[in-house]
PDB file of all heavy atoms in Angstrom:
ATOM      1  N   SER A   1       0.019 -22.844  -4.064  1.00  0.00           N
ATOM      2  CA  SER A   1       0.678 -21.658  -4.586  1.00  0.00           C
ATOM      3  C   SER A   1       0.312 -20.448  -3.740  1.00  0.00           C
ATOM      4  O   SER A   1      -0.744 -20.411  -3.100  1.00  0.00           O
ATOM      5  CB  SER A   1       0.242 -21.432  -6.039  1.00  0.00           C
ATOM      6  OG  SER A   1       0.585 -20.144  -6.466  1.00  0.00           O
ATOM      7  N   ARG A   2       1.206 -19.444  -3.750  1.00  0.00           N
ATOM      8  CA  ARG A   2       0.909 -18.210  -3.010  1.00  0.00           C
ATOM      9  C   ARG A   2      -0.305 -17.487  -3.573  1.00  0.00           C
ATOM     10  O   ARG A   2      -0.894 -16.652  -2.890  1.00  0.00           O
ATOM     11  CB  ARG A   2       2.129 -17.285  -3.032  1.00  0.00           C
ATOM     12  CG  ARG A   2       3.269 -17.714  -2.113  1.00  0.00           C
ATOM     13  CD  ARG A   2       2.844 -17.738  -0.654  1.00  0.00           C
ATOM     14  NE  ARG A   2       3.917 -18.161   0.222  1.00  0.00           N
ATOM     15  CZ  ARG A   2       4.616 -17.341   1.003  1.00  0.00           C
ATOM     16  NH1 ARG A   2       4.361 -16.053   0.995  1.00  0.00           N
ATOM     17  NH2 ARG A   2       5.568 -17.805   1.783  1.00  0.00           N
ATOM     18  N   VAL A   3      -0.672 -17.779  -4.805  1.00  0.00           N
ATOM     19  CA  VAL A   3      -1.894 -17.219  -5.383  1.00  0.00           C
ATOM     20  C   VAL A   3      -2.960 -18.316  -5.338  1.00  0.00           C
ATOM     21  O   VAL A   3      -2.872 -19.315  -6.046  1.00  0.00           O
ATOM     22  CB  VAL A   3      -1.678 -16.725  -6.825  1.00  0.00           C
ATOM     23  CG1 VAL A   3      -2.991 -16.193  -7.400  1.00  0.00           C
ATOM     24  CG2 VAL A   3      -0.606 -15.649  -6.868  1.00  0.00           C
ATOM     25  N   LEU A   4      -3.939 -18.132  -4.473  1.00  0.00           N
ATOM     26  CA  LEU A   4      -5.010 -19.108  -4.297  1.00  0.00           C
ATOM     27  C   LEU A   4      -6.193 -18.727  -5.167  1.00  0.00           C
ATOM     28  O   LEU A   4      -6.699 -17.604  -5.076  1.00  0.00           O
ATOM     29  CB  LEU A   4      -5.454 -19.154  -2.833  1.00  0.00           C
ATOM     30  CG  LEU A   4      -4.418 -19.589  -1.798  1.00  0.00           C
ATOM     31  CD1 LEU A   4      -4.969 -19.367  -0.394  1.00  0.00           C
ATOM     32  CD2 LEU A   4      -4.050 -21.046  -1.996  1.00  0.00           C
ATOM     33  N   GLU A   5      -6.621 -19.653  -5.994  1.00  0.00           N
ATOM     34  CA  GLU A   5      -7.814 -19.411  -6.803  1.00  0.00           C
ATOM     35  C   GLU A   5      -9.035 -19.779  -5.967  1.00  0.00           C
ATOM     36  O   GLU A   5      -9.687 -20.799  -6.159  1.00  0.00           O
ATOM     37  CB  GLU A   5      -7.752 -20.215  -8.096  1.00  0.00           C
ATOM     38  CG  GLU A   5      -6.624 -19.772  -9.018  1.00  0.00           C
ATOM     39  CD  GLU A   5      -6.604 -20.552 -10.305  1.00  0.00           C
ATOM     40  OE1 GLU A   5      -7.433 -21.467 -10.466  1.00  0.00           O
ATOM     41  OE2 GLU A   5      -5.750 -20.243 -11.155  1.00  0.00           O
ATOM     42  N   LEU A   6      -9.336 -18.904  -5.021  1.00  0.00           N
ATOM     43  CA  LEU A   6     -10.433 -19.113  -4.091  1.00  0.00           C
ATOM     44  C   LEU A   6     -11.388 -17.937  -4.159  1.00  0.00           C
ATOM     45  O   LEU A   6     -10.973 -16.783  -4.071  1.00  0.00           O
ATOM     46  CB  LEU A   6      -9.917 -19.234  -2.652  1.00  0.00           C
ATOM     47  CG  LEU A   6      -9.353 -20.571  -2.179  1.00  0.00           C
ATOM     48  CD1 LEU A   6      -8.822 -20.414  -0.754  1.00  0.00           C
ATOM     49  CD2 LEU A   6     -10.394 -21.665  -2.232  1.00  0.00           C
ATOM     50  N   SER A   7     -12.663 -18.225  -4.292  1.00  0.00           N
ATOM     51  CA  SER A   7     -13.672 -17.174  -4.235  1.00  0.00           C
ATOM     52  C   SER A   7     -14.116 -16.986  -2.785  1.00  0.00           C
ATOM     53  O   SER A   7     -13.857 -17.827  -1.916  1.00  0.00           O
ATOM     54  CB  SER A   7     -14.873 -17.548  -5.097  1.00  0.00           C
ATOM     55  OG  SER A   7     -15.559 -18.662  -4.533  1.00  0.00           O
ATOM     56  N   GLN A   8     -14.796 -15.878  -2.524  1.00  0.00           N
ATOM     57  CA  GLN A   8     -15.335 -15.643  -1.188  1.00  0.00           C
ATOM     58  C   GLN A   8     -16.335 -16.735  -0.805  1.00  0.00           C
ATOM     59  O   GLN A   8     -16.382 -17.164   0.350  1.00  0.00           O
ATOM     60  CB  GLN A   8     -16.005 -14.271  -1.152  1.00  0.00           C
ATOM     61  CG  GLN A   8     -15.033 -13.120  -1.358  1.00  0.00           C
ATOM     62  CD  GLN A   8     -15.725 -11.794  -1.518  1.00  0.00           C
ATOM     63  OE1 GLN A   8     -16.925 -11.669  -1.270  1.00  0.00           O
ATOM     64  NE2 GLN A   8     -14.978 -10.785  -1.944  1.00  0.00           N
ATOM     65  N   GLU A   9     -17.103 -17.188  -1.773  1.00  0.00           N
ATOM     66  CA  GLU A   9     -18.063 -18.256  -1.505  1.00  0.00           C
ATOM     67  C   GLU A   9     -17.352 -19.542  -1.092  1.00  0.00           C
ATOM     68  O   GLU A   9     -17.780 -20.245  -0.166  1.00  0.00           O
ATOM     69  CB  GLU A   9     -18.926 -18.513  -2.736  1.00  0.00           C
ATOM     70  CG  GLU A   9     -19.984 -19.592  -2.523  1.00  0.00           C
ATOM     71  CD  GLU A   9     -20.841 -19.807  -3.753  1.00  0.00           C
ATOM     72  OE1 GLU A   9     -20.558 -19.184  -4.798  1.00  0.00           O
ATOM     73  OE2 GLU A   9     -21.787 -20.607  -3.678  1.00  0.00           O
ATOM     74  N   GLU A  10     -16.241 -19.863  -1.770  1.00  0.00           N
ATOM     75  CA  GLU A  10     -15.501 -21.082  -1.437  1.00  0.00           C
ATOM     76  C   GLU A  10     -14.871 -20.995  -0.057  1.00  0.00           C
ATOM     77  O   GLU A  10     -14.857 -21.979   0.694  1.00  0.00           O
ATOM     78  CB  GLU A  10     -14.443 -21.343  -2.510  1.00  0.00           C
ATOM     79  CG  GLU A  10     -15.039 -21.797  -3.834  1.00  0.00           C
ATOM     80  CD  GLU A  10     -14.019 -21.838  -4.948  1.00  0.00           C
ATOM     81  OE1 GLU A  10     -12.991 -21.139  -4.868  1.00  0.00           O
ATOM     82  OE2 GLU A  10     -14.249 -22.580  -5.922  1.00  0.00           O
ATOM     83  N   ILE A  11     -14.351 -19.826   0.302  1.00  0.00           N
ATOM     84  CA  ILE A  11     -13.812 -19.655   1.657  1.00  0.00           C
ATOM     85  C   ILE A  11     -14.930 -19.822   2.680  1.00  0.00           C
ATOM     86  O   ILE A  11     -14.740 -20.422   3.741  1.00  0.00           O
ATOM     87  CB  ILE A  11     -13.131 -18.290   1.803  1.00  0.00           C
ATOM     88  CG1 ILE A  11     -11.910 -18.216   0.886  1.00  0.00           C
ATOM     89  CG2 ILE A  11     -12.713 -18.038   3.254  1.00  0.00           C
ATOM     90  CD1 ILE A  11     -11.246 -16.864   0.861  1.00  0.00           C
ATOM     91  N   GLY A  12     -16.111 -19.304   2.346  1.00  0.00           N
ATOM     92  CA  GLY A  12     -17.260 -19.498   3.232  1.00  0.00           C
ATOM     93  C   GLY A  12     -17.598 -20.970   3.408  1.00  0.00           C
ATOM     94  O   GLY A  12     -17.932 -21.419   4.511  1.00  0.00           O
ATOM     95  N   MET A  13     -17.478 -21.750   2.337  1.00  0.00           N
ATOM     96  CA  MET A  13     -17.745 -23.183   2.423  1.00  0.00           C
ATOM     97  C   MET A  13     -16.725 -23.892   3.296  1.00  0.00           C
ATOM     98  O   MET A  13     -17.041 -24.868   3.984  1.00  0.00           O
ATOM     99  CB  MET A  13     -17.747 -23.796   1.025  1.00  0.00           C
ATOM    100  CG  MET A  13     -18.908 -23.350   0.155  1.00  0.00           C
ATOM    101  SD  MET A  13     -18.790 -23.987  -1.536  1.00  0.00           S
ATOM    102  CE  MET A  13     -19.038 -25.746  -1.238  1.00  0.00           C
ATOM    103  N   LEU A  14     -15.480 -23.414   3.289  1.00  0.00           N
ATOM    104  CA  LEU A  14     -14.429 -24.029   4.098  1.00  0.00           C
ATOM    105  C   LEU A  14     -14.524 -23.642   5.567  1.00  0.00           C
ATOM    106  O   LEU A  14     -14.081 -24.392   6.435  1.00  0.00           O
ATOM    107  CB  LEU A  14     -13.051 -23.637   3.568  1.00  0.00           C
ATOM    108  CG  LEU A  14     -12.673 -24.161   2.181  1.00  0.00           C
ATOM    109  CD1 LEU A  14     -11.299 -23.647   1.784  1.00  0.00           C
ATOM    110  CD2 LEU A  14     -12.698 -25.685   2.148  1.00  0.00           C
ATOM    111  N   THR A  15     -15.107 -22.478   5.851  1.00  0.00           N
ATOM    112  CA  THR A  15     -15.135 -21.983   7.219  1.00  0.00           C
ATOM    113  C   THR A  15     -16.509 -22.057   7.876  1.00  0.00           C
ATOM    114  O   THR A  15     -16.611 -21.958   9.099  1.00  0.00           O
ATOM    115  CB  THR A  15     -14.681 -20.511   7.261  1.00  0.00           C
ATOM    116  OG1 THR A  15     -15.549 -19.729   6.421  1.00  0.00           O
ATOM    117  CG2 THR A  15     -13.247 -20.367   6.777  1.00  0.00           C
ATOM    118  N   GLY A  16     -17.563 -22.209   7.067  1.00  0.00           N
ATOM    119  CA  GLY A  16     -18.911 -22.155   7.613  1.00  0.00           C
ATOM    120  C   GLY A  16     -19.367 -20.744   7.913  1.00  0.00           C
ATOM    121  O   GLY A  16     -20.323 -20.537   8.661  1.00  0.00           O
ATOM    122  N   ILE A  17     -18.697 -19.760   7.333  1.00  0.00           N
ATOM    123  CA  ILE A  17     -19.006 -18.350   7.540  1.00  0.00           C
ATOM    124  C   ILE A  17     -19.646 -17.794   6.272  1.00  0.00           C
ATOM    125  O   ILE A  17     -19.300 -18.204   5.167  1.00  0.00           O
ATOM    126  CB  ILE A  17     -17.711 -17.565   7.878  1.00  0.00           C
ATOM    127  CG1 ILE A  17     -17.102 -18.121   9.172  1.00  0.00           C
ATOM    128  CG2 ILE A  17     -17.981 -16.076   8.023  1.00  0.00           C
ATOM    129  CD1 ILE A  17     -15.693 -17.622   9.447  1.00  0.00           C
ATOM    130  N   SER A  18     -20.588 -16.890   6.424  1.00  0.00           N
ATOM    131  CA  SER A  18     -21.296 -16.349   5.270  1.00  0.00           C
ATOM    132  C   SER A  18     -20.347 -15.623   4.330  1.00  0.00           C
ATOM    133  O   SER A  18     -19.305 -15.090   4.749  1.00  0.00           O
ATOM    134  CB  SER A  18     -22.400 -15.389   5.723  1.00  0.00           C
ATOM    135  OG  SER A  18     -21.836 -14.189   6.226  1.00  0.00           O
ATOM    136  N   ARG A  19     -20.712 -15.586   3.045  1.00  0.00           N
ATOM    137  CA  ARG A  19     -19.880 -14.908   2.051  1.00  0.00           C
ATOM    138  C   ARG A  19     -19.696 -13.442   2.394  1.00  0.00           C
ATOM    139  O   ARG A  19     -18.608 -12.883   2.222  1.00  0.00           O
ATOM    140  CB  ARG A  19     -20.505 -15.051   0.666  1.00  0.00           C
ATOM    141  CG  ARG A  19     -19.646 -14.477  -0.455  1.00  0.00           C
ATOM    142  CD  ARG A  19     -20.368 -14.523  -1.785  1.00  0.00           C
ATOM    143  NE  ARG A  19     -21.562 -13.684  -1.767  1.00  0.00           N
ATOM    144  CZ  ARG A  19     -21.547 -12.349  -1.921  1.00  0.00           C
ATOM    145  NH1 ARG A  19     -20.401 -11.713  -2.104  1.00  0.00           N
ATOM    146  NH2 ARG A  19     -22.672 -11.665  -1.896  1.00  0.00           N
ATOM    147  N   GLN A  20     -20.768 -12.788   2.885  1.00  0.00           N
ATOM    148  CA  GLN A  20     -20.680 -11.372   3.214  1.00  0.00           C
ATOM    149  C   GLN A  20     -19.680 -11.131   4.341  1.00  0.00           C
ATOM    150  O   GLN A  20     -18.878 -10.187   4.290  1.00  0.00           O
ATOM    151  CB  GLN A  20     -22.062 -10.841   3.610  1.00  0.00           C
ATOM    152  CG  GLN A  20     -23.067 -10.802   2.476  1.00  0.00           C
ATOM    153  CD  GLN A  20     -23.740 -12.145   2.241  1.00  0.00           C
ATOM    154  OE1 GLN A  20     -23.438 -13.140   2.916  1.00  0.00           O
ATOM    155  NE2 GLN A  20     -24.659 -12.183   1.295  1.00  0.00           N
ATOM    156  N   ARG A  21     -19.707 -12.014   5.345  1.00  0.00           N
ATOM    157  CA  ARG A  21     -18.780 -11.839   6.478  1.00  0.00           C
ATOM    158  C   ARG A  21     -17.349 -12.186   6.064  1.00  0.00           C
ATOM    159  O   ARG A  21     -16.391 -11.570   6.535  1.00  0.00           O
ATOM    160  CB  ARG A  21     -19.235 -12.712   7.653  1.00  0.00           C
ATOM    161  CG  ARG A  21     -18.425 -12.468   8.923  1.00  0.00           C
ATOM    162  CD  ARG A  21     -18.560 -11.027   9.381  1.00  0.00           C
ATOM    163  NE  ARG A  21     -17.700 -10.728  10.525  1.00  0.00           N
ATOM    164  CZ  ARG A  21     -16.423 -10.370  10.455  1.00  0.00           C
ATOM    165  NH1 ARG A  21     -15.840 -10.277   9.260  1.00  0.00           N
ATOM    166  NH2 ARG A  21     -15.725 -10.108  11.535  1.00  0.00           N
ATOM    167  N   VAL A  22     -17.200 -13.186   5.185  1.00  0.00           N
ATOM    168  CA  VAL A  22     -15.878 -13.500   4.648  1.00  0.00           C
ATOM    169  C   VAL A  22     -15.311 -12.299   3.908  1.00  0.00           C
ATOM    170  O   VAL A  22     -14.118 -11.982   4.029  1.00  0.00           O
ATOM    171  CB  VAL A  22     -15.952 -14.731   3.720  1.00  0.00           C
ATOM    172  CG1 VAL A  22     -14.680 -14.858   2.886  1.00  0.00           C
ATOM    173  CG2 VAL A  22     -16.173 -15.996   4.528  1.00  0.00           C
ATOM    174  N   ASN A  23     -16.145 -11.609   3.155  1.00  0.00           N
ATOM    175  CA  ASN A  23     -15.710 -10.429   2.410  1.00  0.00           C
ATOM    176  C   ASN A  23     -15.138  -9.368   3.351  1.00  0.00           C
ATOM    177  O   ASN A  23     -14.079  -8.775   3.078  1.00  0.00           O
ATOM    178  CB  ASN A  23     -16.886  -9.856   1.627  1.00  0.00           C
ATOM    179  CG  ASN A  23     -16.487  -8.641   0.804  1.00  0.00           C
ATOM    180  OD1 ASN A  23     -15.462  -8.639   0.147  1.00  0.00           O
ATOM    181  ND2 ASN A  23     -17.304  -7.598   0.853  1.00  0.00           N
ATOM    182  N   LEU A  24     -15.803  -9.143   4.473  1.00  0.00           N
ATOM    183  CA  LEU A  24     -15.312  -8.168   5.450  1.00  0.00           C
ATOM    184  C   LEU A  24     -13.970  -8.616   6.041  1.00  0.00           C
ATOM    185  O   LEU A  24     -13.062  -7.806   6.216  1.00  0.00           O
ATOM    186  CB  LEU A  24     -16.346  -7.980   6.559  1.00  0.00           C
ATOM    187  CG  LEU A  24     -17.665  -7.311   6.168  1.00  0.00           C
ATOM    188  CD1 LEU A  24     -18.628  -7.314   7.349  1.00  0.00           C
ATOM    189  CD2 LEU A  24     -17.401  -5.880   5.691  1.00  0.00           C
ATOM    190  N   ALA A  25     -13.873  -9.904   6.344  1.00  0.00           N
ATOM    191  CA  ALA A  25     -12.634 -10.427   6.926  1.00  0.00           C
ATOM    192  C   ALA A  25     -11.473 -10.294   5.943  1.00  0.00           C
ATOM    193  O   ALA A  25     -10.360  -9.892   6.313  1.00  0.00           O
ATOM    194  CB  ALA A  25     -12.824 -11.885   7.344  1.00  0.00           C
ATOM    195  N   LEU A  26     -11.716 -10.608   4.681  1.00  0.00           N
ATOM    196  CA  LEU A  26     -10.658 -10.497   3.676  1.00  0.00           C
ATOM    197  C   LEU A  26     -10.208  -9.041   3.515  1.00  0.00           C
ATOM    198  O   LEU A  26      -9.012  -8.767   3.338  1.00  0.00           O
ATOM    199  CB  LEU A  26     -11.145 -11.048   2.333  1.00  0.00           C
ATOM    200  CG  LEU A  26     -11.392 -12.552   2.278  1.00  0.00           C
ATOM    201  CD1 LEU A  26     -11.954 -12.937   0.911  1.00  0.00           C
ATOM    202  CD2 LEU A  26     -10.120 -13.343   2.569  1.00  0.00           C
ATOM    203  N   GLY A  27     -11.165  -8.126   3.576  1.00  0.00           N
ATOM    204  CA  GLY A  27     -10.818  -6.713   3.496  1.00  0.00           C
ATOM    205  C   GLY A  27      -9.904  -6.293   4.636  1.00  0.00           C
ATOM    206  O   GLY A  27      -8.935  -5.547   4.430  1.00  0.00           O
ATOM    207  N   ARG A  28     -10.198  -6.788   5.818  1.00  0.00           N
ATOM    208  CA  ARG A  28      -9.372  -6.470   6.976  1.00  0.00           C
ATOM    209  C   ARG A  28      -7.967  -7.052   6.814  1.00  0.00           C
ATOM    210  O   ARG A  28      -6.958  -6.370   7.080  1.00  0.00           O
ATOM    211  CB  ARG A  28     -10.025  -7.026   8.243  1.00  0.00           C
ATOM    212  CG  ARG A  28      -9.207  -6.881   9.516  1.00  0.00           C
ATOM    213  CD  ARG A  28      -8.863  -5.438   9.812  1.00  0.00           C
ATOM    214  NE  ARG A  28      -8.155  -5.301  11.077  1.00  0.00           N
ATOM    215  CZ  ARG A  28      -7.441  -4.232  11.420  1.00  0.00           C
ATOM    216  NH1 ARG A  28      -7.358  -3.212  10.586  1.00  0.00           N
ATOM    217  NH2 ARG A  28      -6.832  -4.188  12.587  1.00  0.00           N
ATOM    218  N   LEU A  29      -7.865  -8.292   6.346  1.00  0.00           N
ATOM    219  CA  LEU A  29      -6.563  -8.923   6.150  1.00  0.00           C
ATOM    220  C   LEU A  29      -5.759  -8.206   5.056  1.00  0.00           C
ATOM    221  O   LEU A  29      -4.535  -8.108   5.142  1.00  0.00           O
ATOM    222  CB  LEU A  29      -6.742 -10.398   5.794  1.00  0.00           C
ATOM    223  CG  LEU A  29      -7.420 -11.264   6.871  1.00  0.00           C
ATOM    224  CD1 LEU A  29      -7.629 -12.684   6.353  1.00  0.00           C
ATOM    225  CD2 LEU A  29      -6.605 -11.277   8.159  1.00  0.00           C
ATOM    226  N   ALA A  30      -6.462  -7.695   4.046  1.00  0.00           N
ATOM    227  CA  ALA A  30      -5.789  -6.946   2.987  1.00  0.00           C
ATOM    228  C   ALA A  30      -5.271  -5.611   3.530  1.00  0.00           C
ATOM    229  O   ALA A  30      -4.173  -5.164   3.162  1.00  0.00           O
ATOM    230  CB  ALA A  30      -6.745  -6.723   1.819  1.00  0.00           C
ATOM    231  N   GLU A  31      -6.039  -4.955   4.392  1.00  0.00           N
ATOM    232  CA  GLU A  31      -5.599  -3.690   4.992  1.00  0.00           C
ATOM    233  C   GLU A  31      -4.310  -3.874   5.793  1.00  0.00           C
ATOM    234  O   GLU A  31      -3.483  -2.968   5.876  1.00  0.00           O
ATOM    235  CB  GLU A  31      -6.692  -3.138   5.907  1.00  0.00           C
ATOM    236  CG  GLU A  31      -7.920  -2.618   5.172  1.00  0.00           C
ATOM    237  CD  GLU A  31      -9.023  -2.221   6.135  1.00  0.00           C
ATOM    238  OE1 GLU A  31      -8.822  -2.380   7.373  1.00  0.00           O
ATOM    239  OE2 GLU A  31     -10.072  -1.751   5.664  1.00  0.00           O
ATOM    240  N   LEU A  32      -4.148  -5.062   6.365  1.00  0.00           N
ATOM    241  CA  LEU A  32      -2.961  -5.366   7.159  1.00  0.00           C
ATOM    242  C   LEU A  32      -1.801  -5.871   6.296  1.00  0.00           C
ATOM    243  O   LEU A  32      -0.757  -6.275   6.831  1.00  0.00           O
ATOM    244  CB  LEU A  32      -3.305  -6.404   8.223  1.00  0.00           C
ATOM    245  CG  LEU A  32      -4.319  -5.957   9.282  1.00  0.00           C
ATOM    246  CD1 LEU A  32      -4.727  -7.138  10.158  1.00  0.00           C
ATOM    247  CD2 LEU A  32      -3.741  -4.834  10.135  1.00  0.00           C
ATOM    248  N   ASN A  33      -2.006  -5.873   4.973  1.00  0.00           N
ATOM    249  CA  ASN A  33      -0.982  -6.321   4.016  1.00  0.00           C
ATOM    250  C   ASN A  33      -0.586  -7.782   4.218  1.00  0.00           C
ATOM    251  O   ASN A  33       0.562  -8.169   3.957  1.00  0.00           O
ATOM    252  CB  ASN A  33       0.264  -5.420   4.089  1.00  0.00           C
ATOM    253  CG  ASN A  33      -0.013  -4.004   3.648  1.00  0.00           C
ATOM    254  OD1 ASN A  33      -0.705  -3.780   2.646  1.00  0.00           O
ATOM    255  ND2 ASN A  33       0.501  -3.033   4.396  1.00  0.00           N
ATOM    256  N   LEU A  34      -1.541  -8.576   4.654  1.00  0.00           N
ATOM    257  CA  LEU A  34      -1.312 -10.015   4.759  1.00  0.00           C
ATOM    258  C   LEU A  34      -1.669 -10.714   3.452  1.00  0.00           C
ATOM    259  O   LEU A  34      -1.068 -11.737   3.114  1.00  0.00           O
ATOM    260  CB  LEU A  34      -2.136 -10.595   5.913  1.00  0.00           C
ATOM    261  CG  LEU A  34      -1.811 -10.051   7.305  1.00  0.00           C
ATOM    262  CD1 LEU A  34      -2.765 -10.637   8.338  1.00  0.00           C
ATOM    263  CD2 LEU A  34      -0.374 -10.338   7.677  1.00  0.00           C
ATOM    264  N   ILE A  35      -2.645 -10.170   2.733  1.00  0.00           N
ATOM    265  CA  ILE A  35      -3.079 -10.740   1.458  1.00  0.00           C
ATOM    266  C   ILE A  35      -3.378  -9.610   0.479  1.00  0.00           C
ATOM    267  O   ILE A  35      -3.555  -8.453   0.873  1.00  0.00           O
ATOM    268  CB  ILE A  35      -4.345 -11.617   1.615  1.00  0.00           C
ATOM    269  CG1 ILE A  35      -5.526 -10.761   2.115  1.00  0.00           C
ATOM    270  CG2 ILE A  35      -4.088 -12.794   2.539  1.00  0.00           C
ATOM    271  CD1 ILE A  35      -6.865 -11.502   2.121  1.00  0.00           C
ATOM    272  N   ASN A  36      -3.414  -9.952  -0.803  1.00  0.00           N
ATOM    273  CA  ASN A  36      -3.975  -9.093  -1.840  1.00  0.00           C
ATOM    274  C   ASN A  36      -5.177  -9.807  -2.435  1.00  0.00           C
ATOM    275  O   ASN A  36      -5.141 -11.025  -2.634  1.00  0.00           O
ATOM    276  CB  ASN A  36      -2.952  -8.813  -2.943  1.00  0.00           C
ATOM    277  CG  ASN A  36      -1.868  -7.848  -2.500  1.00  0.00           C
ATOM    278  OD1 ASN A  36      -2.065  -7.033  -1.601  1.00  0.00           O
ATOM    279  ND2 ASN A  36      -0.696  -7.943  -3.112  1.00  0.00           N
ATOM    280  N   ILE A  37      -6.228  -9.067  -2.722  1.00  0.00           N
ATOM    281  CA  ILE A  37      -7.458  -9.645  -3.227  1.00  0.00           C
ATOM    282  C   ILE A  37      -7.641  -9.269  -4.689  1.00  0.00           C
ATOM    283  O   ILE A  37      -7.515  -8.095  -5.062  1.00  0.00           O
ATOM    284  CB  ILE A  37      -8.677  -9.164  -2.417  1.00  0.00           C
ATOM    285  CG1 ILE A  37      -8.486  -9.471  -0.921  1.00  0.00           C
ATOM    286  CG2 ILE A  37      -9.958  -9.827  -2.920  1.00  0.00           C
ATOM    287  CD1 ILE A  37      -9.555  -8.838  -0.052  1.00  0.00           C
ATOM    288  N   ALA A  38      -7.909 -10.263  -5.526  1.00  0.00           N
ATOM    289  CA  ALA A  38      -8.262 -10.038  -6.922  1.00  0.00           C
ATOM    290  C   ALA A  38      -9.526 -10.841  -7.226  1.00  0.00           C
ATOM    291  O   ALA A  38     -10.031 -11.572  -6.370  1.00  0.00           O
ATOM    292  CB  ALA A  38      -7.114 -10.458  -7.838  1.00  0.00           C
ATOM    293  N   TYR A  39     -10.022 -10.719  -8.433  1.00  0.00           N
ATOM    294  CA  TYR A  39     -11.241 -11.428  -8.794  1.00  0.00           C
ATOM    295  C   TYR A  39     -11.009 -12.937  -8.725  1.00  0.00           C
ATOM    296  O   TYR A  39     -10.126 -13.471  -9.396  1.00  0.00           O
ATOM    297  CB  TYR A  39     -11.696 -11.035 -10.201  1.00  0.00           C
ATOM    298  CG  TYR A  39     -12.933 -11.786 -10.666  1.00  0.00           C
ATOM    299  CD1 TYR A  39     -14.171 -11.528 -10.084  1.00  0.00           C
ATOM    300  CD2 TYR A  39     -12.848 -12.753 -11.647  1.00  0.00           C
ATOM    301  CE1 TYR A  39     -15.293 -12.209 -10.486  1.00  0.00           C
ATOM    302  CE2 TYR A  39     -13.973 -13.449 -12.065  1.00  0.00           C
ATOM    303  CZ  TYR A  39     -15.199 -13.166 -11.477  1.00  0.00           C
ATOM    304  OH  TYR A  39     -16.319 -13.857 -11.876  1.00  0.00           O
ATOM    305  N   GLN A  40     -11.778 -13.624  -7.907  1.00  0.00           N
ATOM    306  CA  GLN A  40     -11.732 -15.081  -7.762  1.00  0.00           C
ATOM    307  C   GLN A  40     -10.366 -15.602  -7.308  1.00  0.00           C
ATOM    308  O   GLN A  40     -10.052 -16.778  -7.508  1.00  0.00           O
ATOM    309  CB  GLN A  40     -12.122 -15.771  -9.083  1.00  0.00           C
ATOM    310  CG  GLN A  40     -13.526 -15.464  -9.561  1.00  0.00           C
ATOM    311  CD  GLN A  40     -14.601 -16.164  -8.728  1.00  0.00           C
ATOM    312  OE1 GLN A  40     -14.369 -17.183  -8.114  1.00  0.00           O
ATOM    313  NE2 GLN A  40     -15.801 -15.596  -8.716  1.00  0.00           N
ATOM    314  N   SER A  41      -9.547 -14.746  -6.684  1.00  0.00           N
ATOM    315  CA  SER A  41      -8.252 -15.226  -6.217  1.00  0.00           C
ATOM    316  C   SER A  41      -7.750 -14.365  -5.067  1.00  0.00           C
ATOM    317  O   SER A  41      -8.164 -13.217  -4.881  1.00  0.00           O
ATOM    318  CB  SER A  41      -7.217 -15.240  -7.353  1.00  0.00           C
ATOM    319  OG  SER A  41      -6.876 -13.934  -7.739  1.00  0.00           O
ATOM    320  N   ILE A  42      -6.830 -14.959  -4.313  1.00  0.00           N
ATOM    321  CA  ILE A  42      -6.192 -14.291  -3.183  1.00  0.00           C
ATOM    322  C   ILE A  42      -4.698 -14.547  -3.275  1.00  0.00           C
ATOM    323  O   ILE A  42      -4.272 -15.696  -3.428  1.00  0.00           O
ATOM    324  CB  ILE A  42      -6.724 -14.827  -1.841  1.00  0.00           C
ATOM    325  CG1 ILE A  42      -8.221 -14.576  -1.713  1.00  0.00           C
ATOM    326  CG2 ILE A  42      -5.966 -14.222  -0.660  1.00  0.00           C
ATOM    327  CD1 ILE A  42      -8.862 -15.361  -0.588  1.00  0.00           C
ATOM    328  N   ARG A  43      -3.900 -13.517  -3.177  1.00  0.00           N
ATOM    329  CA  ARG A  43      -2.450 -13.669  -3.140  1.00  0.00           C
ATOM    330  C   ARG A  43      -1.982 -13.463  -1.712  1.00  0.00           C
ATOM    331  O   ARG A  43      -2.245 -12.424  -1.107  1.00  0.00           O
ATOM    332  CB  ARG A  43      -1.756 -12.680  -4.073  1.00  0.00           C
ATOM    333  CG  ARG A  43      -0.241 -12.842  -4.082  1.00  0.00           C
ATOM    334  CD  ARG A  43       0.401 -11.891  -5.070  1.00  0.00           C
ATOM    335  NE  ARG A  43       1.842 -12.070  -5.092  1.00  0.00           N
ATOM    336  CZ  ARG A  43       2.694 -11.441  -4.274  1.00  0.00           C
ATOM    337  NH1 ARG A  43       2.227 -10.586  -3.381  1.00  0.00           N
ATOM    338  NH2 ARG A  43       3.992 -11.662  -4.370  1.00  0.00           N
ATOM    339  N   VAL A  44      -1.313 -14.463  -1.157  1.00  0.00           N
ATOM    340  CA  VAL A  44      -0.804 -14.370   0.205  1.00  0.00           C
ATOM    341  C   VAL A  44       0.518 -13.611   0.171  1.00  0.00           C
ATOM    342  O   VAL A  44       1.492 -14.051  -0.453  1.00  0.00           O
ATOM    343  CB  VAL A  44      -0.622 -15.763   0.827  1.00  0.00           C
ATOM    344  CG1 VAL A  44       0.020 -15.645   2.209  1.00  0.00           C
ATOM    345  CG2 VAL A  44      -1.968 -16.465   0.935  1.00  0.00           C
TER     346      VAL A  44
END
């Protein structure tokens, strides 16, 4: 689904990247209007 029930920790588990760094990356992607971030979910 376009709404992914994924936490930052789970994305870190899929990428091998720390949760803190994933958080920064998601913020950047949200600034570019590629995703929207909500609690425990991401909307593409």
